[in-house]
Amino acid sequence: MSSFHDTVREAIYSTIVSTGAAPSAADVAGLHGADIRDVEAAFRALADGHVIVLHPATHDIAWAPPFSAVPTRYRVRIAGTTWHAPCAWDAFGIPAALHADAVVEATCAWSDEALDCGVVNGRASGHGVIHLLVPAAHFWDDIFFT
């Protein structure tokens, strides 16, 4: 990947961290004075490299793991700011990425029961088990299902 892809990736993540929302290709193009087609190509390259996940047949960001640009059952609260995570695993990735303790607001996918969990003093807290239906080697075969 090029330094332009790194610039686009950094713009995506810094926007999500600061606003909770993913930028559009037009947002990133405007921010960096770039051609929107170049930014869209960078979005596609980042998606092909499994850095971000785009909504099917678009250049709209669904996820920039561990962050989700769309609401999910996994909300992460850090010092009054809330982000969504694509999955339970990524819900613990957000506090790791931000080097902060967090409250994870999640529900069991089977029972819909609230789960008491989070990160305290840099360590996972609470009770629960993350059950992965798909082996890690196949996560990207269908990342939306995984």
Foldseek 3Di string as FASTA:
>chain_A
DDVVLVLLLVQQVVCCVVPLAGDALVVSCVVVVHDSVVSLVSLVVCVVVVQFPADPPDSHTQGRFQFGNDADQKWKDFPHDITGGLDPVRSQVVCVVVVGWIWIFHADPVPRHTFGWTADPRHIDGDDDDDDPDPPVCCVVPVNVD
